[in-house]
Amino acid sequence: YNYLEPETARRYFEEALAINEKAVELFPKGSDYREELIYTLKNLASLSIRQEQYESAIRLHERIIELRLEMVRKNPGDSEHEKALGASYSELGILLERAEKPEPAKQQYSKAVEAFRQVLQNEDEDPLTKDLLAMNLRMQVSLFTRTKKYYVAKEYLDLVRDYYEKLYENDPESPKNWISLYEIRLLEGVLHESMKNYGMAAERYESMFPILKKHLKSDPENLEYQAKTNIAYTQLGIVYLLADEPEKSKGAFEKALSISANLLERDPENPVYIRDAITTFEEYAKLLKKLDRNEESEEYSAKAEELKEKLGEEIPENDL
């Protein structure tokens, strides 16, 4: 419909909508007809959003949610319908924000969380399905954090954290479980840091070390584990710098620098280790500048630039 005039596209969509609604009325048990109706409603809503007709788009999304709710009621325990319902609540929340209706938007996000919770807490659900949903929600938390939608980011994050905490409690030795818990606590720290809750951010970063040290003790030569520890110390150094606690920041950065040096010595061409070292050097340089150690600050900034040049040289031409 991008090639049609808006009014022409609207007329076609409305004609299709009438047909879809009739099909659902005639065949109320068929989910395929509801999916086709939802598809048409979404296209019509997208057109309304492009024309900034938000009230019209909101009504269309509310109709989608009605259909999703019917499908959930008719298919209890079906995770696909639960996930689709959660996604529909989230889409309406985003739309309400665009329409400058923050409170109704929050209500929709909360409903989305509850729908997703039904999937993650379902003991009979396939573990892979739950893991994929949790991974998707983590990506949404990152997106919401970058766009400063902190309320919804925190709601989604709390849900996913509870899921990973339970997995870890049930099997703390599983690498998948403890790494997922480490990653969600790291993400939670980043969220609090973005919200300038520096004390909470530091607490989240600190909470990762008992887990990391436990597994490093059992496998001290594991470079992946060392890299994760390096990231944790770097983030801790950053947040203490932001909180104006330079001594604590210095202690965290010094540990990160030691780990970075070891990683680069062991695997000097690894782009992940190089990028992590660049971040550590740049952030440590900021601390040194704050401490009026300008010459040392410039040295670490220069080291970061050298690594950036090295990283650029190692990118294959086809990847540019």
Protein backbone atom coordinates (compact mmCIF):
# COMPACT_ATOMS: atom_id res chain seq x y z
CA TYR A 1 0.00 0.00 0.00
CA ASN A 2 3.07 2.28 0.11
CA TYR A 3 2.55 2.83 -3.63
CA LEU A 4 -1.05 3.98 -3.27
CA GLU A 5 -2.51 7.32 -2.29
CA PRO A 6 -3.47 7.19 1.40
CA GLU A 7 -7.19 7.51 0.79
CA THR A 8 -7.13 4.84 -1.89
CA ALA A 9 -5.21 2.51 0.42
CA ARG A 10 -7.67 3.25 3.24
CA ARG A 11 -10.62 2.39 1.00
CA TYR A 12 -9.09 -0.97 0.07
CA PHE A 13 -8.25 -1.76 3.70
CA GLU A 14 -11.75 -0.88 4.86
CA GLU A 15 -13.26 -3.12 2.17
CA ALA A 16 -10.94 -5.95 3.26
CA LEU A 17 -11.82 -5.24 6.89
CA ALA A 18 -15.53 -5.68 6.21
CA ILE A 19 -14.83 -9.03 4.51
CA ASN A 20 -12.56 -10.18 7.35
CA GLU A 21 -15.07 -9.21 10.04
CA LYS A 22 -17.80 -11.13 8.18
CA ALA A 23 -15.59 -14.21 7.90
CA VAL A 24 -14.91 -14.16 11.66
CA GLU A 25 -18.63 -13.82 12.30
CA LEU A 26 -19.46 -16.76 10.02
CA PHE A 27 -16.62 -18.98 11.27
CA PRO A 28 -16.12 -18.04 14.93
CA LYS A 29 -14.02 -21.13 15.71
CA GLY A 30 -11.43 -20.52 13.00
CA SER A 31 -8.28 -18.78 14.24
CA ASP A 32 -7.00 -18.25 10.68
CA TYR A 33 -9.81 -15.80 9.95
CA ARG A 34 -8.97 -13.88 13.13
CA GLU A 35 -5.32 -13.69 12.11
CA GLU A 36 -6.31 -12.31 8.70
CA LEU A 37 -8.54 -9.76 10.40
CA ILE A 38 -5.68 -8.75 12.72
CA TYR A 39 -3.37 -8.39 9.72
CA THR A 40 -5.82 -6.00 8.05
CA LEU A 41 -6.35 -4.06 11.27
CA LYS A 42 -2.59 -3.62 11.65
CA ASN A 43 -2.23 -2.33 8.10
CA LEU A 44 -5.07 0.12 8.60
CA ALA A 45 -3.58 1.23 11.93
CA SER A 46 -0.16 1.76 10.30
CA LEU A 47 -1.79 3.94 7.67
CA SER A 48 -3.55 5.97 10.37
CA ILE A 49 -0.26 6.42 12.25
CA ARG A 50 1.45 7.65 9.09
CA GLN A 51 -1.30 10.26 8.80
CA GLU A 52 -0.99 11.03 12.54
CA GLN A 53 -4.59 9.90 13.10
CA TYR A 54 -3.71 8.41 16.45
CA GLU A 55 -7.21 8.06 17.86
CA SER A 56 -8.22 5.96 14.87
CA ALA A 57 -5.07 3.83 15.22
CA ILE A 58 -5.72 3.36 18.96
CA ARG A 59 -9.25 2.07 18.30
CA LEU A 60 -7.90 -0.38 15.72
CA HIS A 61 -5.27 -1.69 18.15
CA GLU A 62 -7.90 -2.04 20.85
CA ARG A 63 -9.87 -4.23 18.43
CA ILE A 64 -6.74 -6.32 17.86
CA ILE A 65 -6.43 -6.85 21.60
CA GLU A 66 -10.08 -7.93 21.80
CA LEU A 67 -9.36 -10.57 19.17
CA ARG A 68 -6.15 -11.69 20.90
CA LEU A 69 -8.01 -12.05 24.19
CA GLU A 70 -10.67 -14.19 22.53
CA MET A 71 -7.97 -16.43 21.08
CA VAL A 72 -6.28 -16.79 24.49
CA ARG A 73 -9.58 -17.72 26.14
CA LYS A 74 -10.34 -20.29 23.46
CA ASN A 75 -6.83 -21.76 23.61
CA PRO A 76 -5.83 -21.83 27.31
CA GLY A 77 -2.17 -22.56 27.91
CA ASP A 78 -1.19 -21.84 24.30
CA SER A 79 2.03 -19.83 24.58
CA GLU A 80 1.88 -18.51 21.02
CA HIS A 81 -1.43 -16.78 21.72
CA GLU A 82 -0.15 -15.49 25.09
CA LYS A 83 2.97 -14.05 23.46
CA ALA A 84 0.94 -12.47 20.68
CA LEU A 85 -1.36 -10.89 23.26
CA GLY A 86 1.63 -9.49 25.15
CA ALA A 87 3.09 -8.08 21.94
CA SER A 88 -0.27 -6.43 21.12
CA TYR A 89 -0.41 -4.77 24.54
CA SER A 90 3.14 -3.51 24.04
CA GLU A 91 2.34 -2.15 20.55
CA LEU A 92 -0.66 -0.28 21.93
CA GLY A 93 1.56 1.10 24.71
CA ILE A 94 4.02 2.46 22.15
CA LEU A 95 1.17 4.00 20.17
CA LEU A 96 -0.33 5.64 23.25
CA GLU A 97 3.06 7.18 24.01
CA ARG A 98 3.17 8.65 20.50
CA ALA A 99 -0.29 10.04 21.15
CA GLU A 100 1.08 11.65 24.35
CA LYS A 101 -0.97 9.47 26.69
CA PRO A 102 1.71 8.21 29.11
CA GLU A 103 -0.52 6.82 31.84
CA PRO A 104 -2.68 4.62 29.55
CA ALA A 105 0.58 3.55 27.87
CA LYS A 106 1.97 2.35 31.20
CA GLN A 107 -1.21 0.34 31.79
CA GLN A 108 -0.74 -1.44 28.48
CA TYR A 109 2.90 -2.21 29.20
CA SER A 110 1.89 -3.68 32.57
CA LYS A 111 -0.67 -5.87 30.84
CA ALA A 112 2.02 -6.99 28.38
CA VAL A 113 4.24 -8.03 31.28
CA GLU A 114 1.42 -10.10 32.80
CA ALA A 115 0.79 -11.84 29.49
CA PHE A 116 4.48 -12.70 29.13
CA ARG A 117 4.58 -13.81 32.76
CA GLN A 118 1.96 -16.46 31.98
CA VAL A 119 4.38 -18.00 29.49
CA LEU A 120 7.54 -17.77 31.62
CA GLN A 121 5.84 -19.20 34.72
CA ASN A 122 4.12 -22.04 32.90
CA GLU A 123 5.83 -25.19 34.18
CA ASP A 124 4.49 -27.22 31.25
CA GLU A 125 5.84 -24.86 28.62
CA ASP A 126 8.77 -25.88 26.43
CA PRO A 127 12.01 -24.48 27.98
CA LEU A 128 13.25 -23.34 24.57
CA THR A 129 10.07 -21.29 24.05
CA LYS A 130 10.58 -19.59 27.40
CA ASP A 131 14.29 -18.97 26.74
CA LEU A 132 13.55 -17.36 23.38
CA LEU A 133 10.87 -15.14 24.94
CA ALA A 134 13.25 -14.11 27.75
CA MET A 135 15.94 -13.29 25.18
CA ASN A 136 13.48 -11.18 23.18
CA LEU A 137 12.40 -9.33 26.32
CA ARG A 138 16.04 -8.63 27.20
CA MET A 139 16.51 -7.00 23.80
CA GLN A 140 13.42 -4.89 24.43
CA VAL A 141 14.81 -3.85 27.84
CA SER A 142 17.98 -2.63 26.08
CA LEU A 143 15.90 -0.73 23.52
CA PHE A 144 13.66 0.85 26.15
CA THR A 145 16.73 1.83 28.20
CA ARG A 146 18.39 3.52 25.20
CA THR A 147 15.18 5.43 24.44
CA LYS A 148 14.82 6.41 28.13
CA LYS A 149 11.53 4.54 28.62
CA TYR A 150 12.69 3.54 32.05
CA TYR A 151 9.32 2.57 33.52
CA VAL A 152 8.63 -0.14 30.96
CA ALA A 153 12.30 -1.18 30.84
CA LYS A 154 12.19 -1.86 34.58
CA GLU A 155 8.91 -3.81 34.37
CA TYR A 156 10.26 -6.03 31.61
CA LEU A 157 13.60 -6.42 33.33
CA ASP A 158 12.06 -7.43 36.67
CA LEU A 159 10.10 -10.15 34.88
CA VAL A 160 13.13 -11.56 33.05
CA ARG A 161 15.37 -11.30 36.13
CA ASP A 162 12.89 -13.33 38.18
CA TYR A 163 12.89 -15.97 35.44
CA TYR A 164 16.69 -16.24 35.38
CA GLU A 165 16.96 -16.14 39.17
CA LYS A 166 14.67 -19.17 39.40
CA LEU A 167 16.63 -21.08 36.76
CA TYR A 168 19.84 -20.34 38.65
CA GLU A 169 18.36 -21.45 41.97
CA ASN A 170 17.30 -24.76 40.41
CA ASP A 171 20.67 -25.43 38.76
CA PRO A 172 23.45 -22.98 39.73
CA GLU A 173 26.16 -25.08 38.04
CA SER A 174 24.64 -24.81 34.57
CA PRO A 175 26.79 -22.39 32.51
CA LYS A 176 23.68 -21.23 30.64
CA ASN A 177 21.93 -20.36 33.91
CA TRP A 178 24.73 -18.50 35.66
CA ILE A 179 25.77 -16.63 32.51
CA SER A 180 22.15 -15.56 31.91
CA LEU A 181 21.93 -14.35 35.51
CA TYR A 182 25.22 -12.44 35.12
CA GLU A 183 23.95 -10.81 31.92
CA ILE A 184 20.59 -9.75 33.37
CA ARG A 185 22.28 -8.24 36.44
CA LEU A 186 24.65 -6.40 34.14
CA LEU A 187 21.67 -5.10 32.18
CA GLU A 188 19.94 -4.09 35.40
CA GLY A 189 23.06 -2.17 36.44
CA VAL A 190 23.11 -0.35 33.09
CA LEU A 191 19.43 0.55 33.52
CA HIS A 192 19.99 2.01 37.00
CA GLU A 193 23.10 3.79 35.77
CA SER A 194 21.04 5.37 32.95
CA MET A 195 18.48 6.47 35.54
CA LYS A 196 21.33 7.95 37.63
CA ASN A 197 20.60 5.52 40.45
CA TYR A 198 24.33 5.02 40.88
CA GLY A 199 24.12 3.26 44.25
CA MET A 200 21.69 0.67 42.90
CA ALA A 201 23.79 0.24 39.76
CA ALA A 202 26.94 -0.38 41.81
CA GLU A 203 25.03 -2.90 43.95
CA ARG A 204 23.93 -4.82 40.85
CA TYR A 205 27.46 -4.86 39.44
CA GLU A 206 28.90 -5.96 42.80
CA SER A 207 26.36 -8.80 42.96
CA MET A 208 27.93 -10.39 39.88
CA PHE A 209 31.33 -11.01 41.43
CA PRO A 210 30.46 -13.94 43.74
CA ILE A 211 29.09 -15.80 40.71
CA LEU A 212 32.04 -14.89 38.49
CA LYS A 213 34.68 -15.69 41.12
CA LYS A 214 33.10 -19.07 41.85
CA HIS A 215 33.38 -20.17 38.23
CA LEU A 216 36.77 -18.56 37.68
CA LYS A 217 38.06 -20.51 40.68
CA SER A 218 36.96 -23.77 39.08
CA ASP A 219 38.31 -22.75 35.65
CA PRO A 220 40.87 -19.92 36.10
CA GLU A 221 42.22 -20.15 32.54
CA ASN A 222 38.81 -19.66 30.92
CA LEU A 223 39.18 -16.48 28.85
CA GLU A 224 35.42 -16.06 28.40
CA TYR A 225 34.95 -15.94 32.17
CA GLN A 226 37.84 -13.50 32.50
CA ALA A 227 36.29 -11.26 29.83
CA LYS A 228 32.97 -11.18 31.69
CA THR A 229 34.80 -10.24 34.90
CA ASN A 230 36.63 -7.48 33.02
CA ILE A 231 33.32 -6.02 31.82
CA ALA A 232 31.91 -6.11 35.35
CA TYR A 233 34.91 -4.26 36.83
CA THR A 234 34.85 -1.70 34.01
CA GLN A 235 31.16 -0.98 34.56
CA LEU A 236 31.78 -0.73 38.31
CA GLY A 237 34.60 1.74 37.67
CA ILE A 238 32.34 3.82 35.43
CA VAL A 239 29.48 3.98 37.90
CA TYR A 240 31.75 4.88 40.84
CA LEU A 241 33.25 7.65 38.70
CA LEU A 242 29.74 8.95 37.96
CA ALA A 243 28.92 8.72 41.68
CA ASP A 244 31.99 10.85 42.45
CA GLU A 245 33.77 8.07 44.34
CA PRO A 246 37.16 8.20 42.60
CA GLU A 247 39.01 5.81 44.93
CA LYS A 248 36.47 3.05 44.46
CA SER A 249 36.46 3.79 40.73
CA LYS A 250 40.26 3.54 40.63
CA GLY A 251 40.23 0.18 42.42
CA ALA A 252 37.69 -1.28 39.98
CA PHE A 253 39.50 0.06 36.91
CA GLU A 254 42.86 -1.28 38.06
CA LYS A 255 41.39 -4.77 38.28
CA ALA A 256 39.85 -4.38 34.83
CA LEU A 257 43.16 -3.17 33.40
CA SER A 258 44.97 -6.21 34.79
CA ILE A 259 42.45 -8.59 33.25
CA SER A 260 42.49 -6.71 29.91
CA ALA A 261 46.27 -6.97 29.77
CA ASN A 262 46.08 -10.73 30.31
CA LEU A 263 43.36 -11.20 27.70
CA LEU A 264 45.27 -9.20 25.08
CA GLU A 265 48.45 -11.11 25.86
CA ARG A 266 46.70 -14.47 25.52
CA ASP A 267 44.64 -13.59 22.44
CA PRO A 268 45.88 -10.28 20.98
CA GLU A 269 43.82 -10.49 17.78
CA ASN A 270 40.44 -11.11 19.43
CA PRO A 271 38.17 -8.19 18.42
CA VAL A 272 35.93 -8.63 21.48
CA TYR A 273 38.86 -8.30 23.88
CA ILE A 274 40.19 -5.34 21.91
CA ARG A 275 36.84 -3.52 22.07
CA ASP A 276 36.53 -4.20 25.79
CA ALA A 277 40.05 -2.89 26.36
CA ILE A 278 39.26 0.27 24.39
CA THR A 279 36.30 0.94 26.68
CA THR A 280 38.38 0.29 29.80
CA PHE A 281 41.22 2.58 28.62
CA GLU A 282 38.88 5.39 27.61
CA GLU A 283 36.90 5.32 30.83
CA TYR A 284 40.03 5.04 32.98
CA ALA A 285 41.44 8.06 31.13
CA LYS A 286 38.37 10.06 32.25
CA LEU A 287 39.06 9.11 35.86
CA LEU A 288 42.72 10.09 35.58
CA LYS A 289 41.74 13.45 34.11
CA LYS A 290 39.35 14.00 37.00
CA LEU A 291 42.24 13.27 39.38
CA ASP A 292 44.40 15.85 37.51
CA ARG A 293 46.72 13.09 36.30
CA ASN A 294 46.56 14.53 32.80
CA GLU A 295 49.72 12.99 31.39
CA GLU A 296 48.60 9.47 32.36
CA SER A 297 45.12 10.24 31.06
CA GLU A 298 46.56 11.12 27.66
CA GLU A 299 48.60 7.91 27.65
CA TYR A 300 45.51 5.75 28.12
CA SER A 301 43.57 7.76 25.55
CA ALA A 302 46.43 7.14 23.13
CA LYS A 303 46.38 3.40 23.92
CA ALA A 304 42.67 3.35 23.14
CA GLU A 305 43.28 5.08 19.81
CA GLU A 306 46.02 2.59 18.91
CA LEU A 307 43.63 -0.30 19.56
CA LYS A 308 40.93 1.40 17.50
CA GLU A 309 43.34 1.64 14.57
CA LYS A 310 44.30 -1.99 15.00
CA LEU A 311 40.66 -3.01 15.12
CA GLY A 312 39.93 -1.04 11.96
CA GLU A 313 42.81 -2.68 10.12
CA GLU A 314 41.54 -6.16 11.06
CA ILE A 315 38.04 -5.66 9.66
CA PRO A 316 37.85 -7.52 6.33
CA GLU A 317 36.93 -5.36 3.36
CA ASN A 318 33.78 -7.44 2.74
CA ASP A 319 32.54 -6.60 6.23
CA LEU A 320 32.68 -2.84 5.69
